Every structure is written in C-alpha cells, then in structure tokens.
C-alpha cells in the first residue's frame, strides 16, 4: 500500500514535531485543521496559533474550525476524502461522523501510558502526582475521551528535576517518531489493536486557577511536584500581601519544621525558605503579578518583607 492521504489536526506547539515529520517524510498531507486565531494581550488582537503558523510556512492547506460538529465542516472533511486522520493536541473531541470517515482510522498521539491519565493535561498531572515514568500512546480514536484501542506505546522516564515544559518538548518529539513507526505498521497491515484495561483508568482533568494555588500545609515534595508540573504555564502560585506570586523554581528540604505552614524561614544563598508540613521549600525563581520573572533572592532583596508574614 502507498502512503495514505492524511488530514492533520492539531493546535499548540506539542503538535509541531508531528506535522514537521509528516511533511519532511513526504506523506501526502491533504490539509491541516486547527483552532481559530485567539485574541491575546491587552489589545485582544487575534494571534495565529503554532500549528497554523507552521502550516503556512510549509505551504499546506489550512482549515480553521469554529465548530467541528457543524454539518458544513463534516462535509468539508468528507470531500477532502482522507484515508487517515492524525490528531495531536487538537483540543476538541471529534464527533463520530468524522471518526468514521477515514478508511485507516483516526490516530491520536496521547502523552501518557493509557489507560492512565486520560484527559486534557496528562503531562502536568504525571509530574504533579510524582510519577517517575510516563510515555506516549498512539491510539485509534473512538467517540470517548482517550478511550480507543492502543496501537503503540513507548515509555520515558521523568527526572526529579524535570518541569512540565521540558518534558512536554521531549515527549512531542518522541510522539512524532512513534507515530511514523505506527503508520508504517498500519500500511504494512501488521499493527495490533489492544483494548484499554478499564480497571486501570485514571484521569488528567483540565487545569484551572485553583489547581496552581499552593497549600502550604501539604508535604514539601507534593508542593515541589506541583511547581514542576505547572512550570512554565500556568505556574503554581501563592499569595503575598494579597498579591499573586508565581513560583517557577524551588528546592525541597524535607525535615523538622519549627514554623507553621506558609511562614517564611531564613534567606539562604539558594533562595527564601518557606515552611510546609514536613520541611522547607526554598523559593528560587518567582514573579509577582505585573512584574518580570526573577531569581527569588533578587526579588526579596527589593521587597519589604514582613518577617511575620504567612504566605496564603
């Protein structure tokens, strides 16, 4: 079988290595579907998202879908007549009417070892929950949320210092390479479909503002993992004199604590110590609302910090 006619669907930077490798290896890309430009900044000027920018650079046909369940969009995909749809962080669940169109199915690149961490934020939650390994799953999509049959999987380790942004970049490349292996097996007719084990399902729900709010009564390693899992965006935060203080980097120091949770300790060469339930967290890089990101020691040198303050 020759290379299938592929319709690509993706939106953020995670999808870029996949689109790049499909193009560089000369797979027939009949179009790129991505989400509409989004208003950003104070002026709310509409900005093209990463996949659209790359697709324009590569000279590919672009379709921006406001509503993928709309009959006119479904008819558009039908006329394109894809033999395979490849989905990488598109951001919306496809309706059955689209899933059923390509003869070789809809392949999705999901950054977890399914059935673990189904949902919108699997990389974040794997770090937040202290996992030491995760992986990529190439899945044959069905109508559910990340519930389709597994085609291929590949593990990767998570280091104790690795933050979300670093791991996401690594896994985006890993996912692109694994997709190519999968497509080759689909073409050869040697791919094996493995149903997901329902008893092992866990979820990675969409992040919200409260997800990042540090609770200083938690264990210091849990707080540290939260900071890693939300760096660089949306970032974990605490409240300082009623203002939002984002924390991008920190170091856990488990041990006896003589202060209540959230109370500041000494300022060390590495950063400012803050008490947690079972140790101190050394703040290393912070950003106060409306200010630039900077080393914590530099920030606190210029901030009149009440030694009795408790972070909220």
C-alpha atoms as a PDB file:
ATOM      1  CA  UNK A   1       0.000   0.000   0.000  1.00  0.00           C
ATOM      2  CA  UNK A   2       1.222   3.506  -0.811  1.00  0.00           C
ATOM      3  CA  UNK A   3       1.330   6.277   1.792  1.00  0.00           C
ATOM      4  CA  UNK A   4      -2.195   7.259   2.867  1.00  0.00           C
ATOM      5  CA  UNK A   5      -3.781  10.648   2.252  1.00  0.00           C
ATOM      6  CA  UNK A   6      -3.507  12.290   5.683  1.00  0.00           C
ATOM      7  CA  UNK A   7      -5.549  15.086   7.221  1.00  0.00           C
ATOM      8  CA  UNK A   8      -3.673  16.559  10.188  1.00  0.00           C
ATOM      9  CA  UNK A   9      -5.446  18.097  13.184  1.00  0.00           C
ATOM     10  CA  UNK A  10      -3.534  19.968  15.897  1.00  0.00           C
ATOM     11  CA  UNK A  11      -3.192  23.348  17.576  1.00  0.00           C
ATOM     12  CA  UNK A  12      -0.355  24.065  20.090  1.00  0.00           C
ATOM     13  CA  UNK A  13       3.420  23.640  19.982  1.00  0.00           C
ATOM     14  CA  UNK A  14       3.172  19.990  21.122  1.00  0.00           C
ATOM     15  CA  UNK A  15       1.798  19.167  17.649  1.00  0.00           C
ATOM     16  CA  UNK A  16       4.627  20.822  15.682  1.00  0.00           C
ATOM     17  CA  UNK A  17       7.164  17.933  15.567  1.00  0.00           C
ATOM     18  CA  UNK A  18       4.442  15.615  14.237  1.00  0.00           C
ATOM     19  CA  UNK A  19       3.426  17.991  11.448  1.00  0.00           C
ATOM     20  CA  UNK A  20       7.087  18.615  10.614  1.00  0.00           C
ATOM     21  CA  UNK A  21       7.989  14.930  10.359  1.00  0.00           C
ATOM     22  CA  UNK A  22       4.930  14.059   8.254  1.00  0.00           C
ATOM     23  CA  UNK A  23       5.891  16.840   5.853  1.00  0.00           C
ATOM     24  CA  UNK A  24       9.628  16.046   5.794  1.00  0.00           C
ATOM     25  CA  UNK A  25       8.967  12.360   5.104  1.00  0.00           C
ATOM     26  CA  UNK A  26       6.662  13.301   2.219  1.00  0.00           C
ATOM     27  CA  UNK A  27       3.423  11.840   3.493  1.00  0.00           C
ATOM     28  CA  UNK A  28       0.532  13.203   1.396  1.00  0.00           C
ATOM     29  CA  UNK A  29      -0.851  15.960   3.656  1.00  0.00           C
ATOM     30  CA  UNK A  30      -4.179  17.000   2.145  1.00  0.00           C
ATOM     31  CA  UNK A  31      -4.837  19.644   4.766  1.00  0.00           C
ATOM     32  CA  UNK A  32      -4.305  20.932   8.291  1.00  0.00           C
ATOM     33  CA  UNK A  33      -7.218  21.576  10.655  1.00  0.00           C
ATOM     34  CA  UNK A  34      -6.508  23.854  13.595  1.00  0.00           C
ATOM     35  CA  UNK A  35      -8.453  26.024  16.006  1.00  0.00           C
ATOM     36  CA  UNK A  36      -9.279  29.655  15.171  1.00  0.00           C
ATOM     37  CA  UNK A  37      -6.879  32.514  15.928  1.00  0.00           C
ATOM     38  CA  UNK A  38      -7.229  33.627  19.541  1.00  0.00           C
ATOM     39  CA  UNK A  39      -7.292  37.160  20.980  1.00  0.00           C
ATOM     40  CA  UNK A  40      -4.255  37.806  23.153  1.00  0.00           C
ATOM     41  CA  UNK A  41      -2.702  40.643  25.132  1.00  0.00           C
ATOM     42  CA  UNK A  42      -4.188  43.919  26.289  1.00  0.00           C
ATOM     43  CA  UNK A  43      -5.406  44.825  22.819  1.00  0.00           C
ATOM     44  CA  UNK A  44      -7.019  41.391  22.363  1.00  0.00           C
ATOM     45  CA  UNK A  45      -5.543  41.212  18.864  1.00  0.00           C
ATOM     46  CA  UNK A  46      -6.145  37.844  17.234  1.00  0.00           C
ATOM     47  CA  UNK A  47      -2.961  35.768  17.027  1.00  0.00           C
ATOM     48  CA  UNK A  48      -2.380  32.656  14.915  1.00  0.00           C
ATOM     49  CA  UNK A  49      -1.632  29.531  16.953  1.00  0.00           C
ATOM     50  CA  UNK A  50       1.554  27.450  16.441  1.00  0.00           C
ATOM     51  CA  UNK A  51       0.190  24.810  14.041  1.00  0.00           C
ATOM     52  CA  UNK A  52      -1.296  27.437  11.729  1.00  0.00           C
ATOM     53  CA  UNK A  53       1.996  29.337  11.624  1.00  0.00           C
ATOM     54  CA  UNK A  54       3.949  26.188  10.699  1.00  0.00           C
ATOM     55  CA  UNK A  55       1.343  25.060   8.152  1.00  0.00           C
ATOM     56  CA  UNK A  56       1.585  28.451   6.430  1.00  0.00           C
ATOM     57  CA  UNK A  57       5.373  28.160   6.343  1.00  0.00           C
ATOM     58  CA  UNK A  58       5.109  24.688   4.789  1.00  0.00           C
ATOM     59  CA  UNK A  59       2.557  25.848   2.214  1.00  0.00           C
ATOM     60  CA  UNK A  60      -0.176  23.491   3.408  1.00  0.00           C
ATOM     61  CA  UNK A  61      -3.912  23.990   3.027  1.00  0.00           C
ATOM     62  CA  UNK A  62      -5.364  25.257   6.335  1.00  0.00           C
ATOM     63  CA  UNK A  63      -8.865  24.894   7.743  1.00  0.00           C
ATOM     64  CA  UNK A  64      -9.841  26.635  10.980  1.00  0.00           C
ATOM     65  CA  UNK A  65     -12.813  25.003  12.634  1.00  0.00           C
ATOM     66  CA  UNK A  66     -15.134  27.005  14.891  1.00  0.00           C
ATOM     67  CA  UNK A  67     -17.423  24.009  15.366  1.00  0.00           C
ATOM     68  CA  UNK A  68     -16.217  20.573  14.287  1.00  0.00           C
ATOM     69  CA  UNK A  69     -19.719  19.143  14.822  1.00  0.00           C
ATOM     70  CA  UNK A  70     -21.196  21.534  12.266  1.00  0.00           C
ATOM     71  CA  UNK A  71     -22.526  19.720   9.207  1.00  0.00           C
ATOM     72  CA  UNK A  72     -20.654  22.034   6.832  1.00  0.00           C
ATOM     73  CA  UNK A  73     -17.323  21.103   8.442  1.00  0.00           C
ATOM     74  CA  UNK A  74     -18.136  17.384   8.363  1.00  0.00           C
ATOM     75  CA  UNK A  75     -18.999  17.739   4.671  1.00  0.00           C
ATOM     76  CA  UNK A  76     -15.687  19.541   4.063  1.00  0.00           C
ATOM     77  CA  UNK A  77     -13.747  16.641   5.598  1.00  0.00           C
ATOM     78  CA  UNK A  78     -15.788  14.172   3.559  1.00  0.00           C
ATOM     79  CA  UNK A  79     -14.871  15.997   0.331  1.00  0.00           C
ATOM     80  CA  UNK A  80     -11.184  16.011   1.300  1.00  0.00           C
ATOM     81  CA  UNK A  81     -11.505  12.213   1.459  1.00  0.00           C
ATOM     82  CA  UNK A  82      -8.674  11.427   3.914  1.00  0.00           C
ATOM     83  CA  UNK A  83      -7.566   7.831   4.258  1.00  0.00           C
ATOM     84  CA  UNK A  84      -6.165   8.646   7.702  1.00  0.00           C
ATOM     85  CA  UNK A  85      -6.626  11.481  10.188  1.00  0.00           C
ATOM     86  CA  UNK A  86      -3.731  12.236  12.553  1.00  0.00           C
ATOM     87  CA  UNK A  87      -4.598  14.162  15.716  1.00  0.00           C
ATOM     88  CA  UNK A  88      -2.014  15.787  18.007  1.00  0.00           C
ATOM     89  CA  UNK A  89      -3.343  18.045  20.783  1.00  0.00           C
ATOM     90  CA  UNK A  90      -6.176  19.398  18.660  1.00  0.00           C
ATOM     91  CA  UNK A  91      -8.126  20.385  21.759  1.00  0.00           C
ATOM     92  CA  UNK A  92     -11.574  19.043  20.879  1.00  0.00           C
ATOM     93  CA  UNK A  93     -13.181  15.593  20.868  1.00  0.00           C
ATOM     94  CA  UNK A  94     -14.064  14.538  17.323  1.00  0.00           C
ATOM     95  CA  UNK A  95     -17.656  13.534  16.542  1.00  0.00           C
ATOM     96  CA  UNK A  96     -18.391  10.027  15.271  1.00  0.00           C
ATOM     97  CA  UNK A  97     -19.295  11.454  11.858  1.00  0.00           C
ATOM     98  CA  UNK A  98     -15.646  12.484  11.369  1.00  0.00           C
ATOM     99  CA  UNK A  99     -14.047   9.498  13.128  1.00  0.00           C
ATOM    100  CA  UNK A 100     -15.856   7.131  10.749  1.00  0.00           C
ATOM    101  CA  UNK A 101     -14.686   8.868   7.549  1.00  0.00           C
ATOM    102  CA  UNK A 102     -11.059   7.708   7.015  1.00  0.00           C
ATOM    103  CA  UNK A 103     -10.656   4.071   5.966  1.00  0.00           C
ATOM    104  CA  UNK A 104      -7.497   3.688   8.092  1.00  0.00           C
ATOM    105  CA  UNK A 105      -8.977   5.460  11.095  1.00  0.00           C
ATOM    106  CA  UNK A 106      -8.119   8.463  13.250  1.00  0.00           C
ATOM    107  CA  UNK A 107      -4.764   8.146  15.028  1.00  0.00           C
ATOM    108  CA  UNK A 108      -4.218  10.229  18.153  1.00  0.00           C
ATOM    109  CA  UNK A 109      -0.894  10.980  19.865  1.00  0.00           C
ATOM    110  CA  UNK A 110      -1.584  10.994  23.609  1.00  0.00           C
ATOM    111  CA  UNK A 111       1.230  11.848  26.069  1.00  0.00           C
ATOM    112  CA  UNK A 112       0.577   9.195  28.713  1.00  0.00           C
ATOM    113  CA  UNK A 113       0.641   5.434  29.045  1.00  0.00           C
ATOM    114  CA  UNK A 114      -3.071   4.875  28.510  1.00  0.00           C
ATOM    115  CA  UNK A 115      -5.332   3.942  30.193  1.00  0.00           C
ATOM    116  CA  UNK A 116      -3.552   6.089  32.807  1.00  0.00           C
ATOM    117  CA  UNK A 117      -4.077   9.843  32.624  1.00  0.00           C
ATOM    118  CA  UNK A 118      -6.887  10.157  30.132  1.00  0.00           C
ATOM    119  CA  UNK A 119      -7.793  13.792  29.616  1.00  0.00           C
ATOM    120  CA  UNK A 120      -6.553  17.265  28.790  1.00  0.00           C
ATOM    121  CA  UNK A 121      -3.415  17.584  30.940  1.00  0.00           C
ATOM    122  CA  UNK A 122      -1.621  14.208  31.225  1.00  0.00           C
ATOM    123  CA  UNK A 123       1.944  15.552  31.318  1.00  0.00           C
ATOM    124  CA  UNK A 124       1.127  18.076  34.047  1.00  0.00           C
ATOM    125  CA  UNK A 125      -0.645  15.555  36.249  1.00  0.00           C
ATOM    126  CA  UNK A 126       2.025  12.875  35.869  1.00  0.00           C
ATOM    127  CA  UNK A 127       4.564  15.325  37.338  1.00  0.00           C
ATOM    128  CA  UNK A 128       2.173  16.738  39.950  1.00  0.00           C
ATOM    129  CA  UNK A 129       1.464  13.232  41.224  1.00  0.00           C
ATOM    130  CA  UNK A 130       5.142  12.379  41.469  1.00  0.00           C
ATOM    131  CA  UNK A 131       5.330   9.779  38.702  1.00  0.00           C
ATOM    132  CA  UNK A 132       8.834   8.658  37.732  1.00  0.00           C
ATOM    133  CA  UNK A 133       7.794   7.405  34.309  1.00  0.00           C
ATOM    134  CA  UNK A 134       5.209   8.197  31.661  1.00  0.00           C
ATOM    135  CA  UNK A 135       5.071   7.655  27.922  1.00  0.00           C
ATOM    136  CA  UNK A 136       3.431   8.121  24.549  1.00  0.00           C
ATOM    137  CA  UNK A 137       0.408   6.217  23.301  1.00  0.00           C
ATOM    138  CA  UNK A 138      -0.666   6.105  19.661  1.00  0.00           C
ATOM    139  CA  UNK A 139      -4.360   5.358  19.888  1.00  0.00           C
ATOM    140  CA  UNK A 140      -7.113   4.575  17.392  1.00  0.00           C
ATOM    141  CA  UNK A 141      -9.756   7.132  18.263  1.00  0.00           C
ATOM    142  CA  UNK A 142     -13.348   6.365  19.181  1.00  0.00           C
ATOM    143  CA  UNK A 143     -16.139   8.617  20.460  1.00  0.00           C
ATOM    144  CA  UNK A 144     -14.901   8.602  24.054  1.00  0.00           C
ATOM    145  CA  UNK A 145     -12.216  10.684  25.735  1.00  0.00           C
ATOM    146  CA  UNK A 146      -8.907   8.889  25.083  1.00  0.00           C
ATOM    147  CA  UNK A 147     -10.681   5.529  25.303  1.00  0.00           C
ATOM    148  CA  UNK A 148      -9.787   3.977  21.933  1.00  0.00           C
ATOM    149  CA  UNK A 149      -7.656   0.923  21.246  1.00  0.00           C
ATOM    150  CA  UNK A 150      -3.894   1.214  21.765  1.00  0.00           C
ATOM    151  CA  UNK A 151      -1.760   0.768  18.635  1.00  0.00           C
ATOM    152  CA  UNK A 152       1.720   1.502  20.022  1.00  0.00           C
ATOM    153  CA  UNK A 153       3.234   2.703  23.307  1.00  0.00           C
ATOM    154  CA  UNK A 154       6.671   3.848  24.404  1.00  0.00           C
ATOM    155  CA  UNK A 155       7.837   4.709  27.925  1.00  0.00           C
ATOM    156  CA  UNK A 156      10.004   7.596  29.047  1.00  0.00           C
ATOM    157  CA  UNK A 157      11.381   8.448  32.484  1.00  0.00           C
ATOM    158  CA  UNK A 158      10.666  11.649  34.423  1.00  0.00           C
ATOM    159  CA  UNK A 159      13.646  13.016  36.319  1.00  0.00           C
ATOM    160  CA  UNK A 160      13.221  14.554  39.781  1.00  0.00           C
ATOM    161  CA  UNK A 161      14.153  17.990  38.432  1.00  0.00           C
ATOM    162  CA  UNK A 162      12.214  17.916  35.149  1.00  0.00           C
ATOM    163  CA  UNK A 163       9.488  20.528  34.704  1.00  0.00           C
ATOM    164  CA  UNK A 164       6.386  20.349  32.530  1.00  0.00           C
ATOM    165  CA  UNK A 165       7.818  22.460  29.702  1.00  0.00           C
ATOM    166  CA  UNK A 166      10.957  20.342  29.403  1.00  0.00           C
ATOM    167  CA  UNK A 167       9.078  17.046  29.481  1.00  0.00           C
ATOM    168  CA  UNK A 168       6.461  18.268  27.018  1.00  0.00           C
ATOM    169  CA  UNK A 169       9.112  19.242  24.470  1.00  0.00           C
ATOM    170  CA  UNK A 170      10.803  15.870  24.809  1.00  0.00           C
ATOM    171  CA  UNK A 171       7.546  13.955  24.508  1.00  0.00           C
ATOM    172  CA  UNK A 172       6.392  15.956  21.483  1.00  0.00           C
ATOM    173  CA  UNK A 173       9.416  14.686  19.544  1.00  0.00           C
ATOM    174  CA  UNK A 174       9.035  11.178  20.952  1.00  0.00           C
ATOM    175  CA  UNK A 175       5.379  11.137  19.900  1.00  0.00           C
ATOM    176  CA  UNK A 176       6.168  12.235  16.354  1.00  0.00           C
ATOM    177  CA  UNK A 177       8.725   9.451  15.908  1.00  0.00           C
ATOM    178  CA  UNK A 178       6.390   6.826  17.375  1.00  0.00           C
ATOM    179  CA  UNK A 179       3.595   7.961  15.062  1.00  0.00           C
ATOM    180  CA  UNK A 180       5.758   7.297  12.000  1.00  0.00           C
ATOM    181  CA  UNK A 181       6.513   3.772  13.261  1.00  0.00           C
ATOM    182  CA  UNK A 182       2.795   3.238  13.773  1.00  0.00           C
ATOM    183  CA  UNK A 183       1.802   4.491  10.316  1.00  0.00           C
ATOM    184  CA  UNK A 184       4.337   2.157   8.708  1.00  0.00           C
ATOM    185  CA  UNK A 185       2.816  -0.812  10.545  1.00  0.00           C
ATOM    186  CA  UNK A 186      -0.701   0.297   9.597  1.00  0.00           C
ATOM    187  CA  UNK A 187       0.358   0.448   5.939  1.00  0.00           C
ATOM    188  CA  UNK A 188       2.016  -2.988   6.202  1.00  0.00           C
ATOM    189  CA  UNK A 189      -1.082  -4.445   7.861  1.00  0.00           C
ATOM    190  CA  UNK A 190       0.922  -5.686  10.862  1.00  0.00           C
ATOM    191  CA  UNK A 191      -0.470  -3.382  13.563  1.00  0.00           C
ATOM    192  CA  UNK A 192      -2.151  -4.973  16.577  1.00  0.00           C
ATOM    193  CA  UNK A 193      -5.066  -3.251  18.329  1.00  0.00           C
ATOM    194  CA  UNK A 194      -5.066  -3.590  22.128  1.00  0.00           C
ATOM    195  CA  UNK A 195      -8.232  -2.604  24.024  1.00  0.00           C
ATOM    196  CA  UNK A 196      -7.612  -0.475  27.112  1.00  0.00           C
ATOM    197  CA  UNK A 197      -7.902  -2.138  30.513  1.00  0.00           C
ATOM    198  CA  UNK A 198     -10.843  -0.326  32.091  1.00  0.00           C
ATOM    199  CA  UNK A 199      -9.754  -1.302  35.618  1.00  0.00           C
ATOM    200  CA  UNK A 200      -6.551   0.756  35.235  1.00  0.00           C
ATOM    201  CA  UNK A 201      -8.125   4.007  34.006  1.00  0.00           C
ATOM    202  CA  UNK A 202      -7.111   7.280  35.678  1.00  0.00           C
ATOM    203  CA  UNK A 203      -7.748  10.855  34.635  1.00  0.00           C
ATOM    204  CA  UNK A 204      -5.853  14.095  33.999  1.00  0.00           C
ATOM    205  CA  UNK A 205      -8.526  16.805  34.165  1.00  0.00           C
ATOM    206  CA  UNK A 206      -8.193  20.231  32.626  1.00  0.00           C
ATOM    207  CA  UNK A 207      -6.164  22.632  34.770  1.00  0.00           C
ATOM    208  CA  UNK A 208      -7.887  25.597  36.387  1.00  0.00           C
ATOM    209  CA  UNK A 209      -6.810  28.535  38.522  1.00  0.00           C
ATOM    210  CA  UNK A 210      -7.276  26.658  41.788  1.00  0.00           C
ATOM    211  CA  UNK A 211      -5.039  23.788  40.598  1.00  0.00           C
ATOM    212  CA  UNK A 212      -1.995  26.022  40.950  1.00  0.00           C
ATOM    213  CA  UNK A 213      -2.804  27.504  44.370  1.00  0.00           C
ATOM    214  CA  UNK A 214      -0.146  26.174  46.762  1.00  0.00           C
ATOM    215  CA  UNK A 215      -1.432  24.747  50.037  1.00  0.00           C
ATOM    216  CA  UNK A 216       1.469  25.137  52.447  1.00  0.00           C
ATOM    217  CA  UNK A 217       0.020  22.543  54.827  1.00  0.00           C
ATOM    218  CA  UNK A 218       0.818  19.898  52.182  1.00  0.00           C
ATOM    219  CA  UNK A 219       4.028  17.844  52.181  1.00  0.00           C
ATOM    220  CA  UNK A 220       7.007  19.706  50.773  1.00  0.00           C
ATOM    221  CA  UNK A 221       7.577  17.162  47.979  1.00  0.00           C
ATOM    222  CA  UNK A 222       3.940  17.481  46.888  1.00  0.00           C
ATOM    223  CA  UNK A 223       4.317  21.259  46.659  1.00  0.00           C
ATOM    224  CA  UNK A 224       7.593  20.870  44.760  1.00  0.00           C
ATOM    225  CA  UNK A 225       5.935  18.492  42.274  1.00  0.00           C
ATOM    226  CA  UNK A 226       3.071  20.954  41.785  1.00  0.00           C
ATOM    227  CA  UNK A 227       5.554  23.705  40.917  1.00  0.00           C
ATOM    228  CA  UNK A 228       7.369  21.436  38.430  1.00  0.00           C
ATOM    229  CA  UNK A 229       4.112  20.248  36.907  1.00  0.00           C
ATOM    230  CA  UNK A 230       2.892  23.779  36.172  1.00  0.00           C
ATOM    231  CA  UNK A 231       6.179  25.354  35.002  1.00  0.00           C
ATOM    232  CA  UNK A 232       6.226  27.399  32.803  1.00  0.00           C
ATOM    233  CA  UNK A 233       2.461  27.651  32.393  1.00  0.00           C
ATOM    234  CA  UNK A 234       0.066  28.220  34.068  1.00  0.00           C
ATOM    235  CA  UNK A 235       2.512  28.243  37.050  1.00  0.00           C
ATOM    236  CA  UNK A 236       1.919  27.429  40.710  1.00  0.00           C
ATOM    237  CA  UNK A 237       1.305  30.425  42.938  1.00  0.00           C
ATOM    238  CA  UNK A 238       0.854  31.698  46.466  1.00  0.00           C
ATOM    239  CA  UNK A 239      -0.440  34.978  47.876  1.00  0.00           C
ATOM    240  CA  UNK A 240       1.954  37.612  49.213  1.00  0.00           C
ATOM    241  CA  UNK A 241       0.297  40.619  50.881  1.00  0.00           C
ATOM    242  CA  UNK A 242      -2.814  39.815  48.852  1.00  0.00           C
ATOM    243  CA  UNK A 243      -0.906  39.761  45.560  1.00  0.00           C
ATOM    244  CA  UNK A 244      -0.398  36.719  43.377  1.00  0.00           C
ATOM    245  CA  UNK A 245       3.194  35.442  43.442  1.00  0.00           C
ATOM    246  CA  UNK A 246       4.002  32.792  40.842  1.00  0.00           C
ATOM    247  CA  UNK A 247       6.707  30.271  41.727  1.00  0.00           C
ATOM    248  CA  UNK A 248       8.619  28.731  38.832  1.00  0.00           C
ATOM    249  CA  UNK A 249      11.527  27.004  40.542  1.00  0.00           C
ATOM    250  CA  UNK A 250      12.116  25.715  44.045  1.00  0.00           C
ATOM    251  CA  UNK A 251      14.042  23.122  46.019  1.00  0.00           C
ATOM    252  CA  UNK A 252      12.516  20.841  48.670  1.00  0.00           C
ATOM    253  CA  UNK A 253      14.241  20.433  52.027  1.00  0.00           C
ATOM    254  CA  UNK A 254      12.389  17.716  53.957  1.00  0.00           C
ATOM    255  CA  UNK A 255      12.969  17.665  57.708  1.00  0.00           C
ATOM    256  CA  UNK A 256      11.779  19.047  61.015  1.00  0.00           C
ATOM    257  CA  UNK A 257       9.902  22.340  60.846  1.00  0.00           C
ATOM    258  CA  UNK A 258       9.734  24.846  63.702  1.00  0.00           C
ATOM    259  CA  UNK A 259       7.310  27.196  61.955  1.00  0.00           C
ATOM    260  CA  UNK A 260       3.657  26.947  60.848  1.00  0.00           C
ATOM    261  CA  UNK A 261       2.932  26.172  57.167  1.00  0.00           C
ATOM    262  CA  UNK A 262       3.447  29.197  54.922  1.00  0.00           C
ATOM    263  CA  UNK A 263       5.685  31.057  57.392  1.00  0.00           C
ATOM    264  CA  UNK A 264       8.960  32.319  55.974  1.00  0.00           C
ATOM    265  CA  UNK A 265      12.243  30.976  57.277  1.00  0.00           C
ATOM    266  CA  UNK A 266      15.764  32.089  56.556  1.00  0.00           C
ATOM    267  CA  UNK A 267      17.011  33.512  53.289  1.00  0.00           C
ATOM    268  CA  UNK A 268      19.682  31.132  52.014  1.00  0.00           C
ATOM    269  CA  UNK A 269      22.152  31.583  49.129  1.00  0.00           C
ATOM    270  CA  UNK A 270      19.756  29.427  47.053  1.00  0.00           C
ATOM    271  CA  UNK A 271      16.580  31.358  47.904  1.00  0.00           C
ATOM    272  CA  UNK A 272      13.947  32.071  50.532  1.00  0.00           C
ATOM    273  CA  UNK A 273      12.794  29.193  52.757  1.00  0.00           C
ATOM    274  CA  UNK A 274       9.056  28.751  53.370  1.00  0.00           C
ATOM    275  CA  UNK A 275       7.639  26.208  55.826  1.00  0.00           C
ATOM    276  CA  UNK A 276       5.496  23.298  54.630  1.00  0.00           C
ATOM    277  CA  UNK A 277       4.055  20.364  56.605  1.00  0.00           C
ATOM    278  CA  UNK A 278       7.238  18.302  56.722  1.00  0.00           C
ATOM    279  CA  UNK A 279      10.070  20.555  55.623  1.00  0.00           C
ATOM    280  CA  UNK A 280      11.017  23.799  53.951  1.00  0.00           C
ATOM    281  CA  UNK A 281      10.634  24.803  50.321  1.00  0.00           C
ATOM    282  CA  UNK A 282      13.425  27.040  49.028  1.00  0.00           C
ATOM    283  CA  UNK A 283      11.932  29.503  46.537  1.00  0.00           C
ATOM    284  CA  UNK A 284      14.402  30.012  43.674  1.00  0.00           C
ATOM    285  CA  UNK A 285      12.514  31.808  40.885  1.00  0.00           C
ATOM    286  CA  UNK A 286       9.363  33.915  41.299  1.00  0.00           C
ATOM    287  CA  UNK A 287       7.181  36.504  39.585  1.00  0.00           C
ATOM    288  CA  UNK A 288       4.889  38.990  41.300  1.00  0.00           C
ATOM    289  CA  UNK A 289       1.738  39.935  39.369  1.00  0.00           C
ATOM    290  CA  UNK A 290       2.576  42.656  36.855  1.00  0.00           C
ATOM    291  CA  UNK A 291       6.339  42.244  37.286  1.00  0.00           C
ATOM    292  CA  UNK A 292       9.017  40.262  35.464  1.00  0.00           C
ATOM    293  CA  UNK A 293      10.210  36.805  36.436  1.00  0.00           C
ATOM    294  CA  UNK A 294      13.411  36.884  38.519  1.00  0.00           C
ATOM    295  CA  UNK A 295      15.579  34.939  40.988  1.00  0.00           C
ATOM    296  CA  UNK A 296      13.826  34.792  44.359  1.00  0.00           C
ATOM    297  CA  UNK A 297      16.755  36.304  46.279  1.00  0.00           C
ATOM    298  CA  UNK A 298      16.835  39.267  43.907  1.00  0.00           C
ATOM    299  CA  UNK A 299      13.090  39.777  44.282  1.00  0.00           C
ATOM    300  CA  UNK A 300      13.045  39.586  48.072  1.00  0.00           C
ATOM    301  CA  UNK A 301      16.036  41.945  48.373  1.00  0.00           C
ATOM    302  CA  UNK A 302      13.867  44.611  46.770  1.00  0.00           C
ATOM    303  CA  UNK A 303      10.636  43.721  48.579  1.00  0.00           C
ATOM    304  CA  UNK A 304       9.880  44.915  52.098  1.00  0.00           C
ATOM    305  CA  UNK A 305       9.040  41.535  53.533  1.00  0.00           C
ATOM    306  CA  UNK A 306       7.413  41.403  56.951  1.00  0.00           C
ATOM    307  CA  UNK A 307       9.197  38.543  58.783  1.00  0.00           C
ATOM    308  CA  UNK A 308       5.879  37.579  60.424  1.00  0.00           C
ATOM    309  CA  UNK A 309       4.072  37.149  57.125  1.00  0.00           C
ATOM    310  CA  UNK A 310       2.463  33.831  56.207  1.00  0.00           C
ATOM    311  CA  UNK A 311       2.053  33.001  52.533  1.00  0.00           C
ATOM    312  CA  UNK A 312      -1.562  32.278  51.602  1.00  0.00           C
END
